[in-house]
Amino acid sequence: GGTIVVLTSPSNEDAESASPLHLQGCNMTDNAATAGNGGALFVAAGVAVQMRTVRATGNAAGGSGGAFAASSCDSLLIADSSSVTANRAGKSGGAVCAVGCRSLGIANSTLSGNLAGLDSMLQLQASSTGTGTGVTPPEEAGVRTTYDTTTSLWQGRS
């Protein structure tokens, strides 16, 4: 991760009852993970992160997840008028790349103007699923995700 790397859940050794890391009102701007994933934030296996009123703009990753990347995390929540804009990834997920995470929630937030070199703005794979309400769906060309307004479910396609 360019700015923050979360390898274990804070102040808790028991993954079953781990408390999430809370980021609120943060601005993550113009950070880079030049050869890695998550230009602003990388979340490792078993970790839960909640982001509220976060602004991620102009971040870049040489790998995947221009703004945020997560691998086998417990959960990643982007909510409460968060904005993920103008980020870029060399590979997948110009805004967010979540691979193998238990859940990804996006609620009342905007993802726009994010670019990825190989495929989509939002990349979800394996067990990554999430729910959202009031989400501004991505409009970028090449987006490989679906947004079902009936169930409010983001689900990646391979």
Protein backbone atom coordinates (compact mmCIF):
# COMPACT_ATOMS: atom_id res chain seq x y z
CA GLY A 1 0.00 0.00 0.00
CA GLY A 2 1.18 3.49 -0.83
CA THR A 3 0.02 5.13 2.43
CA ILE A 4 -1.39 2.50 4.77
CA VAL A 5 -0.74 -1.24 4.97
CA VAL A 6 -2.94 -3.14 7.43
CA LEU A 7 -1.49 -6.58 8.13
CA THR A 8 -3.41 -7.56 11.26
CA SER A 9 -6.53 -6.30 12.99
CA PRO A 10 -5.73 -3.61 15.55
CA SER A 11 -5.52 -4.48 19.26
CA ASN A 12 -6.86 -7.97 18.91
CA GLU A 13 -5.13 -11.32 18.50
CA ASP A 14 -8.36 -13.31 18.07
CA ALA A 15 -9.45 -13.10 14.43
CA GLU A 16 -12.94 -14.33 15.35
CA SER A 17 -13.68 -11.19 17.38
CA ALA A 18 -11.29 -8.71 15.78
CA SER A 19 -12.31 -5.06 15.85
CA PRO A 20 -12.24 -3.30 12.49
CA LEU A 21 -9.87 -0.48 11.75
CA HIS A 22 -11.94 2.71 11.38
CA LEU A 23 -10.86 5.51 9.05
CA GLN A 24 -13.11 8.56 9.10
CA GLY A 25 -12.78 11.90 7.36
CA CYS A 26 -9.43 10.98 5.84
CA ASN A 27 -8.03 12.44 2.65
CA MET A 28 -5.74 10.05 0.80
CA THR A 29 -4.33 12.01 -2.12
CA ASP A 30 -1.54 11.40 -4.65
CA ASN A 31 -0.05 8.33 -2.96
CA ALA A 32 1.64 5.51 -4.85
CA ALA A 33 2.52 1.85 -4.53
CA THR A 34 4.75 1.87 -7.59
CA ALA A 35 5.38 -1.88 -7.79
CA GLY A 36 2.57 -3.11 -5.55
CA ASN A 37 -1.15 -3.06 -4.86
CA GLY A 38 -3.29 -0.41 -3.17
CA GLY A 39 -2.10 3.08 -4.02
CA ALA A 40 -3.62 4.48 -0.81
CA LEU A 41 -4.49 1.39 1.26
CA PHE A 42 -3.68 -2.33 1.27
CA VAL A 43 -5.69 -4.65 3.54
CA ALA A 44 -4.27 -8.12 4.27
CA ALA A 45 -5.89 -11.45 5.08
CA GLY A 46 -8.37 -11.55 7.96
CA VAL A 47 -8.47 -7.79 8.50
CA ALA A 48 -11.65 -5.66 8.63
CA VAL A 49 -11.56 -1.98 7.61
CA GLN A 50 -14.38 0.57 7.67
CA MET A 51 -13.94 3.85 5.80
CA ARG A 52 -16.47 6.66 6.24
CA THR A 53 -16.40 10.11 4.58
CA VAL A 54 -13.05 9.21 3.04
CA ARG A 55 -11.68 10.95 -0.06
CA ALA A 56 -9.24 8.96 -2.20
CA THR A 57 -8.06 10.96 -5.20
CA GLY A 58 -5.10 10.69 -7.57
CA ASN A 59 -3.62 7.53 -6.05
CA ALA A 60 -1.78 4.98 -8.19
CA ALA A 61 -0.71 1.36 -7.96
CA GLY A 62 1.65 -0.39 -10.33
CA GLY A 63 -0.30 -3.56 -9.60
CA SER A 64 -4.00 -3.63 -8.72
CA GLY A 65 -6.28 -1.38 -6.68
CA GLY A 66 -5.42 2.19 -7.64
CA ALA A 67 -6.95 3.48 -4.39
CA PHE A 68 -7.67 0.37 -2.29
CA ALA A 69 -6.55 -3.25 -2.53
CA ALA A 70 -7.54 -6.13 -0.29
CA SER A 71 -6.51 -9.77 -0.33
CA SER A 72 -8.54 -12.35 1.62
CA CYS A 73 -9.65 -9.64 4.06
CA ASP A 74 -12.54 -10.10 6.44
CA SER A 75 -14.35 -6.99 5.21
CA LEU A 76 -13.88 -3.66 3.50
CA LEU A 77 -16.55 -0.97 3.85
CA ILE A 78 -16.60 2.32 1.92
CA ALA A 79 -19.52 4.44 3.15
CA ASP A 80 -21.10 7.75 4.17
CA SER A 81 -20.38 10.02 1.22
CA SER A 82 -16.93 8.63 0.56
CA SER A 83 -15.45 9.54 -2.81
CA VAL A 84 -13.00 7.40 -4.80
CA THR A 85 -12.03 9.40 -7.89
CA ALA A 86 -9.26 9.71 -10.46
CA ASN A 87 -7.19 6.78 -9.20
CA ARG A 88 -5.34 4.38 -11.48
CA ALA A 89 -3.93 0.87 -11.44
CA GLY A 90 -1.48 -0.73 -13.83
CA LYS A 91 -3.43 -3.98 -13.74
CA SER A 92 -6.98 -4.37 -12.30
CA GLY A 93 -9.34 -2.29 -10.20
CA GLY A 94 -8.60 1.37 -10.82
CA ALA A 95 -10.65 2.24 -7.72
CA VAL A 96 -10.85 -1.00 -5.70
CA CYS A 97 -9.45 -4.50 -6.12
CA ALA A 98 -10.76 -7.03 -3.58
CA VAL A 99 -9.69 -10.64 -4.10
CA GLY A 100 -10.97 -13.41 -1.83
CA CYS A 101 -12.46 -11.07 0.81
CA ARG A 102 -15.49 -12.17 2.80
CA SER A 103 -17.37 -8.93 2.10
CA LEU A 104 -17.11 -5.57 0.42
CA GLY A 105 -19.70 -2.90 1.20
CA ILE A 106 -20.12 0.32 -0.71
CA ALA A 107 -22.86 2.61 0.61
CA ASN A 108 -23.80 6.21 -0.20
CA SER A 109 -20.48 6.76 -1.96
CA THR A 110 -19.17 7.66 -5.39
CA LEU A 111 -16.59 5.86 -7.52
CA SER A 112 -15.75 7.78 -10.69
CA GLY A 113 -12.96 8.55 -13.12
CA ASN A 114 -10.83 5.60 -12.03
CA LEU A 115 -8.73 3.74 -14.61
CA ALA A 116 -7.09 0.32 -14.83
CA GLY A 117 -4.55 -0.84 -17.40
CA LEU A 118 -5.86 -4.37 -17.89
CA ASP A 119 -9.55 -4.30 -17.11
CA SER A 120 -12.01 -2.68 -14.74
CA MET A 121 -12.49 0.17 -12.31
CA LEU A 122 -13.86 -2.21 -9.66
CA GLN A 123 -12.44 -5.73 -9.50
CA LEU A 124 -14.00 -8.37 -7.24
CA GLN A 125 -12.97 -12.01 -7.35
CA ALA A 126 -13.57 -15.30 -5.55
CA SER A 127 -15.61 -14.82 -2.38
CA SER A 128 -15.77 -11.02 -2.64
CA THR A 129 -19.36 -9.82 -2.52
CA GLY A 130 -20.95 -6.79 -1.02
CA THR A 131 -24.06 -4.80 -0.48
CA GLY A 132 -24.69 -1.15 -0.96
CA THR A 133 -27.37 1.49 -0.78
CA GLY A 134 -27.33 4.87 -2.43
CA VAL A 135 -24.31 3.84 -4.46
CA THR A 136 -23.45 5.85 -7.52
CA PRO A 137 -22.71 3.04 -10.00
CA PRO A 138 -19.51 3.24 -12.03
CA GLU A 139 -19.92 4.60 -15.54
CA GLU A 140 -16.42 3.96 -16.91
CA ALA A 141 -16.04 1.85 -20.02
CA GLY A 142 -14.93 -1.72 -19.46
CA VAL A 143 -16.39 -2.10 -15.98
CA ARG A 144 -16.62 -5.82 -15.25
CA THR A 145 -19.01 -5.69 -12.32
CA THR A 146 -22.75 -5.83 -12.04
CA TYR A 147 -24.99 -3.67 -9.92
CA ASP A 148 -28.45 -5.03 -9.22
CA THR A 149 -30.74 -2.26 -7.98
CA THR A 150 -33.24 -4.82 -6.71
CA THR A 151 -30.86 -6.51 -4.32
CA SER A 152 -28.21 -3.77 -4.15
CA LEU A 153 -25.47 -6.30 -4.76
CA TRP A 154 -22.08 -5.73 -6.33
CA GLN A 155 -20.67 -8.96 -7.68
CA GLY A 156 -17.55 -9.46 -9.75
CA ARG A 157 -17.45 -11.48 -12.93
CA SER A 158 -14.42 -13.32 -14.21
